[in-house]
Amino acid sequence: MDLVYNTTMVVIAIGKENISMEERDDIITLVDEDGKEQDFEVIMTLEVEDNEYAILAPVGSDDEEDAYVFKIVYDNEEEFSLVAIEDDEEYENVVATYETLMDEEM
């Protein structure tokens, strides 16, 4: 699965009540810049340099599809935002950590 450097998906805030779909807490809905909703599966969350990130893949995709990386920013205990990573170095650090974790699982 390739990770994609994504700046087109936008999520303002997600409350816990918006996260589950059909009682699956690993599915979230993102809204793109055109207002179109798309469901994503949370592949994993990981911590890099005291920040938390989410790796997401479109629902129904297989391992050959691209995945997206977002920074998780907590607004409070119940809500958080997923933010596109705009810094190249930060993005590369997250990808390197993800790849290391994937290599360890194999």
Protein backbone atom coordinates (compact mmCIF):
# COMPACT_ATOMS: atom_id res chain seq x y z
CA MET A 1 0.00 0.00 0.00
CA ASP A 2 1.45 3.35 -1.03
CA LEU A 3 1.00 6.36 1.21
CA VAL A 4 -0.26 9.48 -0.52
CA TYR A 5 0.76 13.03 0.28
CA ASN A 6 -2.73 14.48 0.37
CA THR A 7 -3.86 18.07 0.68
CA THR A 8 -7.31 17.81 -0.92
CA MET A 9 -9.27 16.05 1.81
CA VAL A 10 -10.53 18.30 4.57
CA VAL A 11 -12.07 17.37 7.89
CA ILE A 12 -13.14 20.21 10.14
CA ALA A 13 -13.95 18.28 13.30
CA ILE A 14 -15.08 14.78 14.04
CA GLY A 15 -16.99 13.96 17.18
CA LYS A 16 -17.11 10.43 18.51
CA GLU A 17 -20.73 10.19 17.40
CA ASN A 18 -19.67 10.79 13.77
CA ILE A 19 -16.90 8.20 13.69
CA SER A 20 -18.79 4.94 13.60
CA MET A 21 -20.62 3.72 10.54
CA GLU A 22 -22.76 0.64 10.91
CA GLU A 23 -21.26 0.27 14.39
CA ARG A 24 -17.71 0.00 13.02
CA ASP A 25 -15.38 2.34 14.82
CA ASP A 26 -12.66 1.89 12.20
CA ILE A 27 -14.67 3.72 9.48
CA ILE A 28 -14.80 7.50 9.21
CA THR A 29 -16.28 9.82 6.61
CA LEU A 30 -14.13 12.59 5.15
CA VAL A 31 -15.37 15.55 3.15
CA ASP A 32 -13.26 16.79 0.24
CA GLU A 33 -12.87 20.39 -0.86
CA ASP A 34 -15.92 20.02 -3.13
CA GLY A 35 -18.14 18.82 -0.27
CA LYS A 36 -18.17 15.20 -1.47
CA GLU A 37 -18.19 12.60 1.32
CA GLN A 38 -16.08 9.45 1.16
CA ASP A 39 -15.77 6.66 3.72
CA PHE A 40 -12.31 5.58 4.85
CA GLU A 41 -11.05 2.72 6.96
CA VAL A 42 -8.57 3.63 9.67
CA ILE A 43 -5.65 1.32 8.88
CA MET A 44 -3.65 2.43 11.90
CA THR A 45 -2.77 5.35 14.08
CA LEU A 46 0.81 5.99 15.07
CA GLU A 47 2.81 8.45 17.10
CA VAL A 48 5.80 10.25 15.64
CA GLU A 49 7.73 12.92 17.57
CA ASP A 50 4.90 13.51 20.08
CA ASN A 51 2.24 13.89 17.35
CA GLU A 52 -0.44 11.38 16.41
CA TYR A 53 -1.22 10.42 12.81
CA ALA A 54 -3.87 8.33 11.06
CA ILE A 55 -3.32 6.12 8.03
CA LEU A 56 -6.59 5.88 6.07
CA ALA A 57 -7.65 3.84 3.03
CA PRO A 58 -10.85 4.22 1.02
CA VAL A 59 -13.51 1.70 2.13
CA GLY A 60 -13.56 -1.29 -0.17
CA SER A 61 -10.01 -0.80 -1.39
CA ASP A 62 -7.49 -3.61 -1.41
CA ASP A 63 -3.85 -3.56 -0.33
CA GLU A 64 -2.79 -2.34 -3.76
CA GLU A 65 -4.66 0.95 -3.36
CA ASP A 66 -3.24 4.17 -2.00
CA ALA A 67 -3.61 5.20 1.62
CA TYR A 68 -3.72 8.71 3.02
CA VAL A 69 -1.84 10.18 5.97
CA PHE A 70 -3.37 12.79 8.27
CA LYS A 71 -2.22 14.45 11.46
CA ILE A 72 -4.69 14.07 14.35
CA VAL A 73 -5.28 17.30 16.23
CA TYR A 74 -7.47 17.02 19.33
CA ASP A 75 -9.88 19.89 19.88
CA ASN A 76 -10.96 18.46 23.24
CA GLU A 77 -11.47 14.99 24.74
CA GLU A 78 -14.46 14.22 22.50
CA GLU A 79 -13.52 15.83 19.17
CA PHE A 80 -10.55 15.90 16.87
CA SER A 81 -9.60 17.14 13.44
CA LEU A 82 -7.66 15.36 10.73
CA VAL A 83 -5.24 17.76 9.14
CA ALA A 84 -3.31 17.32 5.90
CA ILE A 85 0.44 17.29 6.48
CA GLU A 86 1.96 20.23 4.64
CA ASP A 87 5.57 19.91 5.81
CA ASP A 88 7.66 17.58 3.64
CA GLU A 89 10.00 16.57 6.48
CA GLU A 90 7.10 15.77 8.82
CA TYR A 91 5.45 13.69 6.08
CA GLU A 92 8.67 11.78 5.36
CA ASN A 93 9.11 11.03 9.09
CA VAL A 94 5.60 9.59 9.30
CA VAL A 95 6.09 7.49 6.16
CA ALA A 96 9.42 6.17 7.46
CA THR A 97 7.81 5.18 10.77
CA TYR A 98 4.88 3.53 8.97
CA GLU A 99 7.23 1.56 6.70
CA THR A 100 9.31 0.44 9.69
CA LEU A 101 6.18 -0.80 11.48
CA MET A 102 5.01 -2.64 8.35
CA ASP A 103 8.44 -4.28 7.93
CA GLU A 104 8.37 -5.43 11.57
CA GLU A 105 4.95 -7.08 11.05
CA MET A 106 6.25 -9.19 8.19
